[in-house]
């Protein structure tokens, strides 16, 4: 049992990094725009399909393919913000953005289903099928390299987003927009441009998340539903708008689920959401969230 526990904790920590790759963009979009992007789950699936096309049809390595999929997803994110989110105005903007992003999700799901059909696919590469031996004995435990690479990628992307937010002029514009959009306009910040680029960055991150997710899981056009429920739970637990919170909450929740799975696989998913309820009962703002007044 001790060995199984060690394996579960390792899998949970590194698997949490994979979910953090997908959740960071979602919490960034909320932190700046007050938009809960329901389409984030299907965007992860779209990114996985883009990696699949590059890998299977063009024989491009999955990580090398990020040089194509990241800019492509960025442009898709900017287009979604300009076409579906920017026109929303007034006091109902936040609630209407939920409907708008859900509409985007339905459209993308239909397009992917039409192109790829209902069958599941999975990404493949040498680092998906091979692993690092970390526990010996009669039954050695091999940790797939994709877990290690995915976790490292999550840390790098979170650090890059922090650098953009706190070490660049554009980051100052983002933080000013987060605090008070009216004041940001008065000091000359183009709020619409900041919103479009931020949404684009939030979606671009899904390129990495989708690639790693597609390497570890079989997926199809319907896979976005389970994903978005988990991603929403993660960003709520971490504190809405907290980039580091998304990473911490993802690692925490996936580790808890992985450990419970040892004793009762049927209760593992239940515990995933029960942990969310328990933490929010004690700390309603999430693990890393802060109460703050925000002007629009």
Protein backbone atom coordinates (compact mmCIF):
# COMPACT_ATOMS: atom_id res chain seq x y z
CA UNK A 1 0.00 0.00 0.00
CA UNK A 2 2.90 2.36 0.77
CA UNK A 3 4.29 1.92 -2.72
CA UNK A 4 0.88 2.56 -4.28
CA UNK A 5 0.57 5.73 -2.21
CA UNK A 6 3.93 7.03 -3.43
CA UNK A 7 2.96 6.30 -7.01
CA UNK A 8 -0.41 8.02 -6.58
CA UNK A 9 1.18 11.15 -5.10
CA UNK A 10 3.73 11.36 -7.90
CA UNK A 11 1.05 10.85 -10.54
CA UNK A 12 -1.18 13.42 -8.84
CA UNK A 13 1.47 16.12 -8.60
CA UNK A 14 2.62 15.77 -12.19
CA UNK A 15 -0.92 15.23 -13.49
CA UNK A 16 -1.90 18.41 -11.68
CA UNK A 17 0.68 20.24 -13.76
CA UNK A 18 -1.11 19.04 -16.89
CA UNK A 19 -4.43 20.44 -15.67
CA UNK A 20 -2.71 23.65 -14.65
CA UNK A 21 -1.62 24.08 -18.28
CA UNK A 22 -5.30 24.12 -19.23
CA UNK A 23 -6.60 26.13 -16.25
CA UNK A 24 -4.09 29.01 -16.27
CA UNK A 25 -5.55 30.56 -19.42
CA UNK A 26 -9.07 30.31 -18.03
CA UNK A 27 -8.20 32.10 -14.80
CA UNK A 28 -6.20 34.78 -16.68
CA UNK A 29 -9.22 35.58 -18.85
CA UNK A 30 -11.46 35.83 -15.79
CA UNK A 31 -8.97 37.94 -13.85
CA UNK A 32 -8.74 40.58 -16.58
CA UNK A 33 -12.13 40.46 -18.29
CA UNK A 34 -14.51 39.01 -15.67
CA UNK A 35 -15.45 36.39 -18.26
CA UNK A 36 -15.78 32.72 -17.39
CA UNK A 37 -14.90 31.19 -20.72
CA UNK A 38 -17.09 28.09 -20.93
CA UNK A 39 -15.49 27.35 -24.31
CA UNK A 40 -12.09 26.70 -22.71
CA UNK A 41 -12.72 22.95 -22.54
CA UNK A 42 -13.47 22.56 -26.25
CA UNK A 43 -10.56 24.89 -27.06
CA UNK A 44 -8.26 22.43 -25.29
CA UNK A 45 -9.73 19.67 -27.46
CA UNK A 46 -9.28 21.85 -30.57
CA UNK A 47 -5.62 22.34 -29.66
CA UNK A 48 -5.24 18.58 -29.19
CA UNK A 49 -6.70 18.00 -32.66
CA UNK A 50 -4.32 20.57 -34.17
CA UNK A 51 -1.40 18.71 -32.61
CA UNK A 52 -2.89 15.46 -33.92
CA UNK A 53 -3.04 16.80 -37.50
CA UNK A 54 0.54 18.09 -37.35
CA UNK A 55 1.82 14.84 -35.85
CA UNK A 56 -0.08 12.27 -37.94
CA UNK A 57 -0.33 14.02 -41.29
CA UNK A 58 2.78 16.23 -41.33
CA UNK A 59 4.97 14.11 -39.01
CA UNK A 60 5.90 17.07 -36.81
CA UNK A 61 6.99 16.37 -33.23
CA UNK A 62 4.34 17.30 -30.65
CA UNK A 63 6.50 19.85 -28.82
CA UNK A 64 7.88 21.27 -32.04
CA UNK A 65 4.30 21.59 -33.26
CA UNK A 66 3.65 24.09 -30.46
CA UNK A 67 5.47 26.63 -32.63
CA UNK A 68 2.44 26.36 -34.93
CA UNK A 69 -0.42 25.63 -32.53
CA UNK A 70 0.37 28.36 -29.98
CA UNK A 71 0.17 31.24 -32.53
CA UNK A 72 -2.86 29.57 -34.16
CA UNK A 73 -4.73 29.33 -30.85
CA UNK A 74 -3.73 32.91 -30.00
CA UNK A 75 -5.34 34.16 -33.22
CA UNK A 76 -8.44 32.06 -32.56
CA UNK A 77 -8.69 33.57 -29.08
CA UNK A 78 -8.39 37.13 -30.40
CA UNK A 79 -11.06 36.39 -33.00
CA UNK A 80 -13.44 34.96 -30.38
CA UNK A 81 -13.00 38.02 -28.17
CA UNK A 82 -13.55 40.48 -31.00
CA UNK A 83 -16.52 38.67 -32.57
CA UNK A 84 -18.37 37.29 -29.55
CA UNK A 85 -17.22 39.08 -26.37
CA UNK A 86 -16.46 42.66 -27.34
CA UNK A 87 -19.99 43.46 -28.58
CA UNK A 88 -21.42 42.63 -25.14
CA UNK A 89 -22.24 45.77 -23.21
CA UNK A 90 -24.11 46.89 -20.13
CA UNK A 91 -24.75 45.44 -16.70
CA UNK A 92 -25.57 41.98 -18.06
CA UNK A 93 -22.23 41.67 -19.86
CA UNK A 94 -20.81 39.05 -17.48
CA UNK A 95 -23.84 36.76 -17.58
CA UNK A 96 -24.21 37.21 -21.34
CA UNK A 97 -20.56 36.27 -21.82
CA UNK A 98 -21.39 32.85 -20.35
CA UNK A 99 -24.01 32.33 -23.05
CA UNK A 100 -21.70 33.68 -25.75
CA UNK A 101 -18.81 31.40 -24.76
CA UNK A 102 -21.21 28.44 -24.54
CA UNK A 103 -22.35 29.23 -28.08
CA UNK A 104 -18.71 29.24 -29.19
CA UNK A 105 -18.24 25.83 -27.54
CA UNK A 106 -21.25 24.37 -29.37
CA UNK A 107 -20.04 25.76 -32.71
CA UNK A 108 -16.51 24.38 -32.26
CA UNK A 109 -17.82 21.01 -31.10
CA UNK A 110 -19.97 20.75 -34.22
CA UNK A 111 -17.08 21.68 -36.49
CA UNK A 112 -14.73 19.14 -34.87
CA UNK A 113 -17.38 16.42 -34.98
CA UNK A 114 -17.98 17.09 -38.67
CA UNK A 115 -14.28 16.96 -39.53
CA UNK A 116 -13.03 14.16 -37.26
CA UNK A 117 -16.18 12.16 -36.48
CA UNK A 118 -17.13 10.46 -33.20
CA UNK A 119 -14.13 8.11 -32.89
CA UNK A 120 -11.55 8.83 -30.21
CA UNK A 121 -7.91 9.47 -31.08
CA UNK A 122 -4.75 9.90 -29.02
CA UNK A 123 -1.43 11.60 -29.63
CA UNK A 124 1.70 9.50 -29.71
CA UNK A 125 5.44 10.08 -29.45
CA UNK A 126 8.43 8.32 -27.90
CA UNK A 127 8.08 10.32 -24.67
CA UNK A 128 4.44 9.23 -24.36
CA UNK A 129 5.17 5.49 -24.42
CA UNK A 130 8.51 5.51 -22.57
CA UNK A 131 9.17 6.49 -18.99
CA UNK A 132 11.72 7.14 -16.27
CA UNK A 133 12.25 4.33 -13.76
CA UNK A 134 11.81 5.83 -10.30
CA UNK A 135 10.87 2.80 -8.18
CA UNK A 136 12.54 -0.58 -8.41
CA UNK A 137 11.60 -3.94 -7.00
CA UNK A 138 9.78 -6.88 -8.53
CA UNK A 139 7.42 -4.54 -10.39
CA UNK A 140 9.36 -1.41 -11.43
CA UNK A 141 7.43 1.84 -11.69
CA UNK A 142 8.05 3.87 -14.82
CA UNK A 143 6.84 7.46 -14.95
CA UNK A 144 6.02 8.49 -18.54
CA UNK A 145 8.30 11.28 -19.74
CA UNK A 146 5.27 13.23 -20.97
CA UNK A 147 4.26 13.78 -17.32
CA UNK A 148 7.66 15.27 -16.54
CA UNK A 149 7.76 17.37 -19.70
CA UNK A 150 4.17 18.52 -19.18
CA UNK A 151 4.80 19.59 -15.58
CA UNK A 152 7.95 21.45 -16.63
CA UNK A 153 6.00 23.16 -19.40
CA UNK A 154 3.33 24.22 -16.90
CA UNK A 155 5.92 25.80 -14.60
CA UNK A 156 7.57 27.61 -17.53
CA UNK A 157 4.26 28.99 -18.83
CA UNK A 158 3.12 30.15 -15.40
CA UNK A 159 6.47 31.90 -14.93
CA UNK A 160 6.17 33.46 -18.40
CA UNK A 161 2.69 34.81 -17.63
CA UNK A 162 3.93 36.22 -14.33
CA UNK A 163 6.80 37.88 -16.18
CA UNK A 164 4.41 39.43 -18.69
CA UNK A 165 2.09 40.69 -15.94
CA UNK A 166 4.73 42.14 -13.61
CA UNK A 167 7.78 42.94 -15.74
CA UNK A 168 6.42 44.42 -18.97
CA UNK A 169 4.60 47.57 -20.02
CA UNK A 170 1.81 45.47 -21.47
CA UNK A 171 1.53 43.68 -18.12
CA UNK A 172 1.03 47.01 -16.37
CA UNK A 173 -1.76 47.76 -18.82
CA UNK A 174 -3.34 44.41 -18.01
CA UNK A 175 -3.18 45.00 -14.26
CA UNK A 176 -4.56 48.51 -14.64
CA UNK A 177 -7.45 47.10 -16.66
CA UNK A 178 -8.05 44.45 -13.99
CA UNK A 179 -8.32 47.09 -11.28
CA UNK A 180 -10.41 49.77 -13.02
CA UNK A 181 -11.30 49.79 -16.70
CA UNK A 182 -12.63 53.36 -16.64
CA UNK A 183 -9.46 54.75 -15.06
CA UNK A 184 -7.37 52.69 -17.48
CA UNK A 185 -9.14 54.38 -20.41
CA UNK A 186 -8.59 57.80 -18.88
CA UNK A 187 -4.82 57.33 -18.74
CA UNK A 188 -4.69 56.29 -22.38
CA UNK A 189 -4.80 52.50 -22.22
CA UNK A 190 -6.60 50.89 -25.15
CA UNK A 191 -8.82 48.58 -23.09
CA UNK A 192 -10.23 46.81 -26.15
CA UNK A 193 -6.73 45.96 -27.37
CA UNK A 194 -5.70 44.72 -23.92
CA UNK A 195 -8.86 42.59 -23.71
CA UNK A 196 -8.29 41.02 -27.14
CA UNK A 197 -4.62 40.24 -26.50
CA UNK A 198 -5.32 38.88 -23.02
CA UNK A 199 -8.05 36.62 -24.33
CA UNK A 200 -5.66 35.50 -27.05
CA UNK A 201 -2.94 34.67 -24.51
CA UNK A 202 -5.46 32.79 -22.35
CA UNK A 203 -6.47 30.65 -25.33
CA UNK A 204 -2.90 30.27 -26.64
CA UNK A 205 -1.92 28.51 -23.40
CA UNK A 206 -4.47 25.80 -24.24
CA UNK A 207 -2.21 24.77 -27.15
CA UNK A 208 0.25 23.34 -24.65
CA UNK A 209 -2.47 21.97 -22.39
CA UNK A 210 -4.27 20.33 -25.29
CA UNK A 211 -1.12 18.70 -26.59
CA UNK A 212 -0.26 17.13 -23.22
CA UNK A 213 -3.90 16.22 -22.51
CA UNK A 214 -4.19 14.52 -25.90
CA UNK A 215 -1.01 12.56 -25.22
CA UNK A 216 -2.36 11.16 -21.95
CA UNK A 217 -6.01 10.64 -22.88
CA UNK A 218 -8.04 9.42 -25.82
CA UNK A 219 -10.31 12.28 -26.91
CA UNK A 220 -13.01 13.27 -29.37
CA UNK A 221 -15.21 16.29 -30.02
CA UNK A 222 -17.29 15.58 -26.88
CA UNK A 223 -14.33 15.56 -24.48
CA UNK A 224 -14.67 19.26 -23.65
CA UNK A 225 -17.58 18.79 -21.25
CA UNK A 226 -15.74 16.88 -18.54
CA UNK A 227 -12.72 19.13 -19.02
CA UNK A 228 -14.52 22.42 -18.44
CA UNK A 229 -16.18 21.16 -15.25
CA UNK A 230 -12.79 20.18 -13.84
CA UNK A 231 -11.10 23.39 -14.98
CA UNK A 232 -13.82 25.54 -13.41
CA UNK A 233 -13.47 23.62 -10.15
CA UNK A 234 -9.71 24.19 -10.20
CA UNK A 235 -9.83 27.94 -10.80
CA UNK A 236 -12.56 28.42 -8.20
CA UNK A 237 -10.56 26.47 -5.62
CA UNK A 238 -7.35 28.32 -6.47
CA UNK A 239 -9.07 31.71 -6.31
CA UNK A 240 -10.65 33.26 -9.38
CA UNK A 241 -8.03 35.30 -11.21
CA UNK A 242 -5.03 33.81 -9.36
CA UNK A 243 -2.45 32.38 -11.78
CA UNK A 244 -0.39 30.66 -9.08
CA UNK A 245 -3.62 29.54 -7.44
CA UNK A 246 -4.58 27.63 -10.58
CA UNK A 247 -1.29 25.71 -10.46
CA UNK A 248 -1.55 25.01 -6.72
CA UNK A 249 -5.21 23.97 -6.87
CA UNK A 250 -4.65 21.71 -9.87
CA UNK A 251 -1.83 19.86 -8.13
CA UNK A 252 -3.83 19.61 -4.88
CA UNK A 253 -7.07 18.34 -6.42
CA UNK A 254 -5.54 15.87 -8.86
CA UNK A 255 -3.30 14.48 -6.10
CA UNK A 256 -6.28 14.00 -3.78
CA UNK A 257 -8.20 12.26 -6.55
CA UNK A 258 -5.23 10.05 -7.39
CA UNK A 259 -4.74 8.99 -3.76
CA UNK A 260 -8.44 8.21 -3.21
CA UNK A 261 -8.42 6.19 -6.43
CA UNK A 262 -6.21 3.62 -4.68
CA UNK A 263 -9.00 2.61 -2.30
CA UNK A 264 -12.13 3.42 -4.29
CA UNK A 265 -11.99 4.45 -7.95
CA UNK A 266 -15.74 5.08 -7.97
CA UNK A 267 -15.36 7.72 -5.24
CA UNK A 268 -12.29 9.43 -6.69
CA UNK A 269 -14.28 11.88 -8.82
CA UNK A 270 -16.70 12.56 -5.95
CA UNK A 271 -13.80 13.45 -3.66
CA UNK A 272 -12.43 15.77 -6.37
CA UNK A 273 -15.51 17.99 -6.07
CA UNK A 274 -16.02 17.36 -2.35
CA UNK A 275 -12.58 18.87 -1.74
CA UNK A 276 -13.75 21.97 -3.60
CA UNK A 277 -16.87 22.30 -1.42
CA UNK A 278 -14.90 21.74 1.78
CA UNK A 279 -12.25 24.36 1.01
CA UNK A 280 -14.80 26.95 -0.12
CA UNK A 281 -16.81 26.39 3.07
CA UNK A 282 -13.74 27.34 5.10
CA UNK A 283 -12.33 29.95 2.69
CA UNK A 284 -14.94 31.22 0.19
CA UNK A 285 -12.36 33.10 -1.87
CA UNK A 286 -10.41 29.91 -2.59
CA UNK A 287 -6.93 28.89 -1.51
CA UNK A 288 -5.15 31.93 -3.00
CA UNK A 289 -8.03 34.31 -3.73
CA UNK A 290 -8.37 37.72 -2.13
CA UNK A 291 -11.38 39.90 -1.53
CA UNK A 292 -11.04 43.12 -3.42
CA UNK A 293 -13.17 45.88 -4.77
CA UNK A 294 -13.04 46.18 -8.50
CA UNK A 295 -14.39 49.04 -10.59
CA UNK A 296 -15.68 48.58 -14.11
